[in-house]
Amino acid sequence: MGKPLLIPALCLFILAPTARAQSADASSTSDRGFWYLQASVFTRHFSPNPEHNDHQDLIGLERNEASGFIYGAATFRNSFSQRSYYAYAGKRFESADYPLYLKVTGGLLQGYTGQYRDKIPLNHLGVAPVIIPSLGVHYGPVATEVVLLGFNAAMLTAGVRF
């Protein structure tokens, strides 16, 4: 299997066994967990550079278990407009009083190649480990998150829980 197919294959391996029909009963969705489909809305690099792409075209799907454990995958265009993939697992920490949550994920990132290969640490094999924190807010099934992309950028995402 070629390197460009590594992350998508890993994503299918992670997500395929968990795909199942969900009932429309919203009151018990949080007790069972939920799926979250998200897309990028806005990105800002902290040190703007004409080379930087601020339109990530991110689309991601993740499973949020009732315990707070999460896992998922996303594809996006990195800061240098290269198609990239992120497969991850992590934890969601819900606020008891407000519709806020903190999310921390860690996983493998593929897609920084060529002259941009060294723009992320530990990318010696074309796949790098990363940790990504985010802060989110939700209103019913709609959510938005501010995602910190290392010390380089922040991204705003929006999505729907189902």
N, C-alpha and C. Protein backbone atom coordinates (compact mmCIF):
# COMPACT_ATOMS: atom_id res chain seq x y z
N MET A 1 0.86 -1.18 0.00
CA MET A 1 0.00 0.00 0.00
C MET A 1 0.89 1.23 0.00
N GLY A 2 0.61 2.18 -0.87
CA GLY A 2 1.41 3.40 -0.97
C GLY A 2 1.18 4.32 0.21
N LYS A 3 2.15 5.17 0.46
CA LYS A 3 2.03 6.12 1.57
C LYS A 3 0.79 7.03 1.48
N PRO A 4 0.40 7.52 0.27
CA PRO A 4 -0.77 8.38 0.21
C PRO A 4 -2.06 7.70 0.66
N LEU A 5 -2.09 6.38 0.66
CA LEU A 5 -3.30 5.66 1.05
C LEU A 5 -3.28 5.23 2.51
N LEU A 6 -2.18 5.44 3.22
CA LEU A 6 -2.05 4.97 4.59
C LEU A 6 -3.11 5.55 5.51
N ILE A 7 -3.24 6.86 5.56
CA ILE A 7 -4.19 7.48 6.49
C ILE A 7 -5.64 7.18 6.11
N PRO A 8 -6.06 7.30 4.82
CA PRO A 8 -7.44 6.94 4.50
C PRO A 8 -7.77 5.48 4.85
N ALA A 9 -6.83 4.57 4.64
CA ALA A 9 -7.07 3.17 4.98
C ALA A 9 -7.21 3.01 6.49
N LEU A 10 -6.37 3.72 7.25
CA LEU A 10 -6.46 3.68 8.70
C LEU A 10 -7.80 4.24 9.16
N CYS A 11 -8.27 5.30 8.52
CA CYS A 11 -9.56 5.89 8.87
C CYS A 11 -10.69 4.89 8.66
N LEU A 12 -10.67 4.21 7.52
CA LEU A 12 -11.70 3.21 7.25
C LEU A 12 -11.64 2.08 8.27
N PHE A 13 -10.44 1.66 8.64
CA PHE A 13 -10.27 0.61 9.62
C PHE A 13 -10.84 1.02 10.97
N ILE A 14 -10.64 2.29 11.35
CA ILE A 14 -11.13 2.78 12.63
C ILE A 14 -12.64 2.96 12.61
N LEU A 15 -13.17 3.53 11.54
CA LEU A 15 -14.58 3.91 11.51
C LEU A 15 -15.53 2.80 11.07
N ALA A 16 -15.11 1.88 10.24
CA ALA A 16 -16.01 0.88 9.69
C ALA A 16 -16.70 0.03 10.75
N PRO A 17 -16.01 -0.49 11.76
CA PRO A 17 -16.70 -1.34 12.73
C PRO A 17 -17.71 -0.58 13.59
N THR A 18 -17.61 0.74 13.65
CA THR A 18 -18.49 1.49 14.53
C THR A 18 -19.71 2.04 13.82
N ALA A 19 -19.76 1.91 12.51
CA ALA A 19 -20.91 2.44 11.77
C ALA A 19 -22.14 1.62 12.11
N ARG A 20 -23.17 2.28 12.59
CA ARG A 20 -24.42 1.61 12.91
C ARG A 20 -25.54 2.62 12.83
N ALA A 21 -26.73 2.11 12.70
CA ALA A 21 -27.90 3.00 12.59
C ALA A 21 -28.15 3.67 13.93
N GLN A 22 -28.51 4.93 13.88
CA GLN A 22 -28.83 5.70 15.08
C GLN A 22 -30.33 5.99 15.08
N SER A 23 -30.98 5.85 16.23
CA SER A 23 -32.40 6.18 16.29
C SER A 23 -32.54 7.69 16.38
N ALA A 24 -33.73 8.18 16.09
CA ALA A 24 -33.97 9.62 16.08
C ALA A 24 -34.28 10.18 17.46
N ASP A 25 -34.19 9.38 18.50
CA ASP A 25 -34.50 9.82 19.85
C ASP A 25 -33.38 10.70 20.38
N ALA A 26 -33.56 12.01 20.32
CA ALA A 26 -32.52 12.96 20.72
C ALA A 26 -32.26 12.96 22.22
N SER A 27 -33.25 12.58 23.03
CA SER A 27 -33.07 12.65 24.48
C SER A 27 -32.03 11.66 24.98
N SER A 28 -31.85 10.55 24.28
CA SER A 28 -30.87 9.57 24.74
C SER A 28 -29.59 9.59 23.92
N THR A 29 -29.46 10.53 22.99
CA THR A 29 -28.26 10.60 22.15
C THR A 29 -27.01 10.79 23.00
N SER A 30 -27.04 11.67 23.99
CA SER A 30 -25.85 11.90 24.80
C SER A 30 -25.53 10.71 25.68
N ASP A 31 -26.54 9.89 26.04
CA ASP A 31 -26.30 8.70 26.83
C ASP A 31 -25.61 7.61 26.01
N ARG A 32 -25.85 7.60 24.71
CA ARG A 32 -25.27 6.60 23.82
C ARG A 32 -24.04 7.12 23.11
N GLY A 33 -23.83 8.39 23.11
CA GLY A 33 -22.77 8.98 22.30
C GLY A 33 -23.37 9.49 21.01
N PHE A 34 -22.51 10.04 20.15
CA PHE A 34 -23.00 10.62 18.91
C PHE A 34 -21.87 10.73 17.90
N TRP A 35 -22.25 10.90 16.66
CA TRP A 35 -21.32 11.20 15.58
C TRP A 35 -21.27 12.71 15.43
N TYR A 36 -20.14 13.23 15.00
CA TYR A 36 -19.98 14.67 14.78
C TYR A 36 -19.33 14.88 13.42
N LEU A 37 -20.04 15.56 12.53
CA LEU A 37 -19.54 15.88 11.20
C LEU A 37 -19.21 17.37 11.20
N GLN A 38 -17.98 17.72 10.84
CA GLN A 38 -17.56 19.12 10.92
C GLN A 38 -16.82 19.56 9.68
N ALA A 39 -16.79 20.88 9.48
CA ALA A 39 -16.07 21.49 8.36
C ALA A 39 -15.40 22.77 8.86
N SER A 40 -14.32 23.15 8.21
CA SER A 40 -13.63 24.38 8.60
C SER A 40 -14.39 25.59 8.06
N VAL A 41 -14.36 26.65 8.86
CA VAL A 41 -15.03 27.90 8.49
C VAL A 41 -14.01 29.01 8.26
N PHE A 42 -13.00 29.07 9.12
CA PHE A 42 -12.05 30.18 9.10
C PHE A 42 -10.74 29.71 9.71
N THR A 43 -9.63 30.15 9.16
CA THR A 43 -8.30 29.85 9.72
C THR A 43 -7.47 31.12 9.72
N ARG A 44 -6.66 31.28 10.76
CA ARG A 44 -5.75 32.43 10.86
C ARG A 44 -4.39 31.93 11.33
N HIS A 45 -3.37 32.22 10.54
CA HIS A 45 -2.00 31.90 10.95
C HIS A 45 -1.50 33.03 11.86
N PHE A 46 -0.77 32.67 12.89
CA PHE A 46 -0.28 33.67 13.84
C PHE A 46 0.83 34.51 13.24
N SER A 47 1.62 33.95 12.33
CA SER A 47 2.66 34.69 11.61
C SER A 47 2.33 34.60 10.13
N PRO A 48 1.50 35.51 9.63
CA PRO A 48 1.07 35.42 8.23
C PRO A 48 2.26 35.39 7.27
N ASN A 49 2.12 34.58 6.24
CA ASN A 49 3.13 34.40 5.22
C ASN A 49 2.38 34.26 3.90
N PRO A 50 2.85 34.87 2.83
CA PRO A 50 2.14 34.74 1.55
C PRO A 50 1.98 33.29 1.08
N GLU A 51 2.86 32.39 1.54
CA GLU A 51 2.76 30.98 1.19
C GLU A 51 1.59 30.28 1.90
N HIS A 52 1.15 30.83 3.03
CA HIS A 52 0.15 30.16 3.86
C HIS A 52 -1.25 30.17 3.24
N ASN A 53 -1.87 29.02 3.31
CA ASN A 53 -3.25 28.84 2.87
C ASN A 53 -4.15 29.00 4.10
N ASP A 54 -5.11 29.90 4.06
CA ASP A 54 -6.06 30.07 5.16
C ASP A 54 -7.43 29.48 4.82
N HIS A 55 -7.48 28.64 3.81
CA HIS A 55 -8.73 27.97 3.41
C HIS A 55 -8.46 26.47 3.44
N GLN A 56 -8.68 25.85 4.59
CA GLN A 56 -8.28 24.47 4.79
C GLN A 56 -9.20 23.44 4.14
N ASP A 57 -10.44 23.79 3.81
CA ASP A 57 -11.37 22.83 3.21
C ASP A 57 -11.44 21.55 4.03
N LEU A 58 -11.45 21.69 5.35
CA LEU A 58 -11.48 20.53 6.23
C LEU A 58 -12.86 19.91 6.25
N ILE A 59 -12.89 18.61 6.24
CA ILE A 59 -14.11 17.86 6.54
C ILE A 59 -13.68 16.70 7.41
N GLY A 60 -14.40 16.52 8.52
CA GLY A 60 -14.04 15.46 9.45
C GLY A 60 -15.25 14.77 10.02
N LEU A 61 -15.07 13.53 10.39
CA LEU A 61 -16.12 12.75 11.03
C LEU A 61 -15.52 12.10 12.25
N GLU A 62 -16.21 12.26 13.39
CA GLU A 62 -15.71 11.62 14.60
C GLU A 62 -16.84 11.01 15.40
N ARG A 63 -16.49 10.00 16.16
CA ARG A 63 -17.43 9.35 17.07
C ARG A 63 -17.12 9.82 18.47
N ASN A 64 -18.15 10.29 19.17
CA ASN A 64 -18.04 10.72 20.56
C ASN A 64 -18.81 9.73 21.42
N GLU A 65 -18.11 8.95 22.20
CA GLU A 65 -18.75 7.98 23.09
C GLU A 65 -19.30 8.71 24.32
N ALA A 66 -20.26 8.09 24.97
CA ALA A 66 -20.85 8.69 26.17
C ALA A 66 -19.81 8.92 27.26
N SER A 67 -18.76 8.12 27.28
CA SER A 67 -17.70 8.24 28.29
C SER A 67 -16.80 9.46 28.04
N GLY A 68 -16.93 10.09 26.87
CA GLY A 68 -16.06 11.21 26.51
C GLY A 68 -14.94 10.80 25.58
N PHE A 69 -14.72 9.49 25.39
CA PHE A 69 -13.71 9.01 24.46
C PHE A 69 -14.15 9.34 23.04
N ILE A 70 -13.22 9.85 22.23
CA ILE A 70 -13.54 10.20 20.84
C ILE A 70 -12.50 9.61 19.90
N TYR A 71 -12.91 9.36 18.68
CA TYR A 71 -11.99 8.93 17.64
C TYR A 71 -12.58 9.33 16.30
N GLY A 72 -11.71 9.59 15.36
CA GLY A 72 -12.21 10.04 14.07
C GLY A 72 -11.10 10.26 13.07
N ALA A 73 -11.50 10.91 11.98
CA ALA A 73 -10.57 11.19 10.90
C ALA A 73 -11.01 12.47 10.20
N ALA A 74 -10.05 13.15 9.62
CA ALA A 74 -10.33 14.39 8.88
C ALA A 74 -9.39 14.49 7.69
N THR A 75 -9.84 15.19 6.68
CA THR A 75 -8.99 15.53 5.56
C THR A 75 -9.09 17.04 5.35
N PHE A 76 -7.99 17.64 4.94
CA PHE A 76 -7.94 19.09 4.80
C PHE A 76 -6.76 19.46 3.92
N ARG A 77 -6.69 20.73 3.56
CA ARG A 77 -5.52 21.26 2.86
C ARG A 77 -4.66 21.94 3.93
N ASN A 78 -3.39 21.54 4.01
CA ASN A 78 -2.53 22.10 5.04
C ASN A 78 -2.13 23.55 4.70
N SER A 79 -1.28 24.12 5.50
CA SER A 79 -0.88 25.51 5.33
C SER A 79 -0.26 25.80 3.97
N PHE A 80 0.17 24.74 3.28
CA PHE A 80 0.82 24.91 1.99
C PHE A 80 -0.01 24.28 0.87
N SER A 81 -1.32 24.17 1.10
CA SER A 81 -2.33 23.70 0.14
C SER A 81 -2.16 22.24 -0.28
N GLN A 82 -1.45 21.45 0.51
CA GLN A 82 -1.31 20.03 0.22
C GLN A 82 -2.42 19.25 0.90
N ARG A 83 -3.05 18.30 0.21
CA ARG A 83 -4.09 17.48 0.81
C ARG A 83 -3.47 16.67 1.93
N SER A 84 -4.06 16.72 3.11
CA SER A 84 -3.53 16.05 4.29
C SER A 84 -4.63 15.26 4.98
N TYR A 85 -4.21 14.31 5.83
CA TYR A 85 -5.13 13.42 6.53
C TYR A 85 -4.72 13.31 7.99
N TYR A 86 -5.72 13.25 8.88
CA TYR A 86 -5.48 13.15 10.31
C TYR A 86 -6.40 12.07 10.87
N ALA A 87 -5.84 11.02 11.43
CA ALA A 87 -6.59 9.98 12.13
C ALA A 87 -6.24 10.10 13.61
N TYR A 88 -7.24 10.07 14.47
CA TYR A 88 -6.99 10.42 15.87
C TYR A 88 -7.92 9.74 16.85
N ALA A 89 -7.54 9.84 18.12
CA ALA A 89 -8.36 9.45 19.26
C ALA A 89 -8.10 10.48 20.33
N GLY A 90 -9.02 10.59 21.27
CA GLY A 90 -8.83 11.58 22.32
C GLY A 90 -9.93 11.56 23.35
N LYS A 91 -10.11 12.68 24.00
CA LYS A 91 -11.07 12.79 25.10
C LYS A 91 -11.78 14.13 25.02
N ARG A 92 -13.09 14.10 25.30
CA ARG A 92 -13.92 15.29 25.36
C ARG A 92 -14.29 15.51 26.83
N PHE A 93 -14.12 16.74 27.30
CA PHE A 93 -14.44 17.09 28.68
C PHE A 93 -15.59 18.09 28.66
N GLU A 94 -16.78 17.66 29.03
CA GLU A 94 -17.98 18.50 29.01
C GLU A 94 -18.08 19.33 30.28
N SER A 95 -18.58 20.56 30.15
CA SER A 95 -18.89 21.39 31.31
C SER A 95 -20.20 20.91 31.90
N ALA A 96 -20.28 20.84 33.21
CA ALA A 96 -21.51 20.41 33.87
C ALA A 96 -22.57 21.51 33.84
N ASP A 97 -22.15 22.78 33.72
CA ASP A 97 -23.09 23.89 33.83
C ASP A 97 -23.39 24.62 32.52
N TYR A 98 -22.54 24.48 31.54
CA TYR A 98 -22.69 25.24 30.29
C TYR A 98 -22.53 24.30 29.09
N PRO A 99 -22.99 24.71 27.92
CA PRO A 99 -22.83 23.86 26.74
C PRO A 99 -21.44 24.00 26.12
N LEU A 100 -20.42 23.97 26.95
CA LEU A 100 -19.02 24.11 26.54
C LEU A 100 -18.29 22.79 26.74
N TYR A 101 -17.26 22.58 25.97
CA TYR A 101 -16.42 21.41 26.16
C TYR A 101 -15.00 21.69 25.69
N LEU A 102 -14.09 20.95 26.25
CA LEU A 102 -12.68 20.97 25.86
C LEU A 102 -12.41 19.61 25.23
N LYS A 103 -11.67 19.60 24.16
CA LYS A 103 -11.36 18.35 23.47
C LYS A 103 -9.86 18.31 23.21
N VAL A 104 -9.26 17.18 23.48
CA VAL A 104 -7.83 16.98 23.19
C VAL A 104 -7.72 15.69 22.39
N THR A 105 -7.12 15.79 21.21
CA THR A 105 -6.94 14.60 20.39
C THR A 105 -5.46 14.42 20.06
N GLY A 106 -5.10 13.20 19.82
CA GLY A 106 -3.75 12.88 19.39
C GLY A 106 -3.83 11.82 18.31
N GLY A 107 -2.97 11.93 17.34
CA GLY A 107 -3.02 10.96 16.26
C GLY A 107 -1.90 11.14 15.27
N LEU A 108 -2.14 10.63 14.07
CA LEU A 108 -1.14 10.68 13.02
C LEU A 108 -1.59 11.60 11.90
N LEU A 109 -0.67 12.44 11.45
CA LEU A 109 -0.94 13.42 10.39
C LEU A 109 -0.05 13.10 9.19
N GLN A 110 -0.68 12.99 8.04
CA GLN A 110 0.05 12.73 6.80
C GLN A 110 -0.28 13.81 5.79
N GLY A 111 0.71 14.25 5.01
CA GLY A 111 0.41 15.19 3.95
C GLY A 111 1.44 16.28 3.73
N TYR A 112 2.34 16.51 4.67
CA TYR A 112 3.38 17.51 4.48
C TYR A 112 4.52 16.84 3.71
N THR A 113 4.65 17.18 2.44
CA THR A 113 5.63 16.51 1.59
C THR A 113 6.52 17.54 0.88
N GLY A 114 7.51 17.01 0.19
CA GLY A 114 8.40 17.86 -0.60
C GLY A 114 9.13 18.88 0.25
N GLN A 115 9.18 20.11 -0.24
CA GLN A 115 9.91 21.17 0.46
C GLN A 115 9.28 21.54 1.80
N TYR A 116 8.03 21.11 2.05
CA TYR A 116 7.34 21.43 3.31
C TYR A 116 7.38 20.28 4.30
N ARG A 117 8.10 19.23 3.99
CA ARG A 117 8.15 18.04 4.84
C ARG A 117 8.58 18.35 6.27
N ASP A 118 9.52 19.28 6.44
CA ASP A 118 10.04 19.59 7.78
C ASP A 118 9.27 20.71 8.48
N LYS A 119 8.13 21.11 7.94
CA LYS A 119 7.35 22.18 8.57
C LYS A 119 6.61 21.69 9.82
N ILE A 120 6.50 20.37 9.99
CA ILE A 120 5.96 19.82 11.24
C ILE A 120 7.00 18.87 11.83
N PRO A 121 7.12 18.86 13.14
CA PRO A 121 8.13 18.02 13.79
C PRO A 121 7.86 16.52 13.59
N LEU A 122 8.90 15.72 13.62
CA LEU A 122 8.84 14.26 13.60
C LEU A 122 8.19 13.69 12.35
N ASN A 123 8.29 14.40 11.24
CA ASN A 123 7.69 13.96 9.98
C ASN A 123 8.70 13.21 9.11
N HIS A 124 9.60 12.48 9.73
CA HIS A 124 10.68 11.83 9.00
C HIS A 124 10.18 10.77 8.02
N LEU A 125 9.10 10.09 8.33
CA LEU A 125 8.58 9.04 7.46
C LEU A 125 7.36 9.50 6.64
N GLY A 126 7.07 10.80 6.68
CA GLY A 126 5.92 11.32 5.95
C GLY A 126 4.63 11.27 6.76
N VAL A 127 4.71 10.71 7.96
CA VAL A 127 3.58 10.66 8.89
C VAL A 127 4.10 11.14 10.23
N ALA A 128 3.42 12.11 10.84
CA ALA A 128 3.90 12.69 12.08
C ALA A 128 2.85 12.57 13.19
N PRO A 129 3.30 12.33 14.42
CA PRO A 129 2.36 12.35 15.55
C PRO A 129 2.05 13.79 15.93
N VAL A 130 0.79 14.06 16.24
CA VAL A 130 0.40 15.42 16.65
C VAL A 130 -0.61 15.34 17.79
N ILE A 131 -0.68 16.42 18.55
CA ILE A 131 -1.69 16.60 19.60
C ILE A 131 -2.40 17.91 19.29
N ILE A 132 -3.74 17.86 19.24
CA ILE A 132 -4.52 19.03 18.86
C ILE A 132 -5.61 19.30 19.91
N PRO A 133 -5.51 20.43 20.61
CA PRO A 133 -6.56 20.81 21.56
C PRO A 133 -7.60 21.71 20.89
N SER A 134 -8.82 21.66 21.40
CA SER A 134 -9.86 22.56 20.89
C SER A 134 -10.85 22.87 22.00
N LEU A 135 -11.53 23.99 21.83
CA LEU A 135 -12.57 24.43 22.75
C LEU A 135 -13.84 24.57 21.94
N GLY A 136 -14.92 23.95 22.41
CA GLY A 136 -16.15 23.97 21.64
C GLY A 136 -17.35 24.40 22.43
N VAL A 137 -18.40 24.75 21.70
CA VAL A 137 -19.69 25.10 22.27
C VAL A 137 -20.75 24.46 21.38
N HIS A 138 -21.83 23.98 22.00
CA HIS A 138 -22.88 23.37 21.20
C HIS A 138 -24.25 23.90 21.64
N TYR A 139 -25.14 23.92 20.68
CA TYR A 139 -26.53 24.29 20.93
C TYR A 139 -27.38 23.25 20.22
N GLY A 140 -27.94 22.32 20.99
CA GLY A 140 -28.64 21.21 20.38
C GLY A 140 -27.66 20.41 19.53
N PRO A 141 -28.02 20.12 18.29
CA PRO A 141 -27.12 19.31 17.46
C PRO A 141 -26.02 20.11 16.74
N VAL A 142 -26.05 21.43 16.85
CA VAL A 142 -25.07 22.28 16.15
C VAL A 142 -23.93 22.63 17.10
N ALA A 143 -22.70 22.58 16.58
CA ALA A 143 -21.54 22.90 17.41
C ALA A 143 -20.52 23.68 16.61
N THR A 144 -19.67 24.39 17.33
CA THR A 144 -18.54 25.08 16.72
C THR A 144 -17.35 24.93 17.65
N GLU A 145 -16.15 24.87 17.07
CA GLU A 145 -14.94 24.69 17.85
C GLU A 145 -13.85 25.65 17.38
N VAL A 146 -13.02 26.08 18.32
CA VAL A 146 -11.78 26.78 18.02
C VAL A 146 -10.68 25.76 18.23
N VAL A 147 -9.94 25.48 17.17
CA VAL A 147 -8.93 24.43 17.18
C VAL A 147 -7.55 25.08 17.08
N LEU A 148 -6.66 24.74 18.01
CA LEU A 148 -5.29 25.25 17.96
C LEU A 148 -4.42 24.30 17.16
N LEU A 149 -3.78 24.83 16.14
CA LEU A 149 -2.93 24.04 15.26
C LEU A 149 -1.48 24.31 15.62
N GLY A 150 -1.04 23.69 16.68
CA GLY A 150 0.30 23.92 17.20
C GLY A 150 0.44 25.37 17.64
N PHE A 151 1.60 25.94 17.38
CA PHE A 151 1.84 27.35 17.69
C PHE A 151 1.73 28.20 16.44
N ASN A 152 1.15 27.61 15.37
CA ASN A 152 1.14 28.27 14.08
C ASN A 152 -0.16 28.90 13.67
N ALA A 153 -1.30 28.32 14.08
CA ALA A 153 -2.58 28.82 13.57
C ALA A 153 -3.72 28.37 14.48
N ALA A 154 -4.86 28.99 14.26
CA ALA A 154 -6.11 28.60 14.90
C ALA A 154 -7.17 28.49 13.81
N MET A 155 -8.05 27.53 13.98
CA MET A 155 -9.09 27.29 12.99
C MET A 155 -10.45 27.25 13.70
N LEU A 156 -11.45 27.82 13.06
CA LEU A 156 -12.83 27.76 13.54
C LEU A 156 -13.55 26.72 12.70
N THR A 157 -14.21 25.78 13.36
CA THR A 157 -14.98 24.77 12.63
C THR A 157 -16.44 24.84 13.07
N ALA A 158 -17.30 24.31 12.25
CA ALA A 158 -18.73 24.19 12.57
C ALA A 158 -19.17 22.81 12.16
N GLY A 159 -20.12 22.28 12.91
CA GLY A 159 -20.57 20.93 12.59
C GLY A 159 -21.91 20.60 13.19
N VAL A 160 -22.30 19.37 12.97
CA VAL A 160 -23.59 18.89 13.45
C VAL A 160 -23.39 17.53 14.12
N ARG A 161 -24.08 17.36 15.26
CA ARG A 161 -24.07 16.09 15.99
C ARG A 161 -25.28 15.28 15.55
N PHE A 162 -25.07 13.99 15.37
CA PHE A 162 -26.21 13.12 15.05
C PHE A 162 -26.02 11.74 15.62
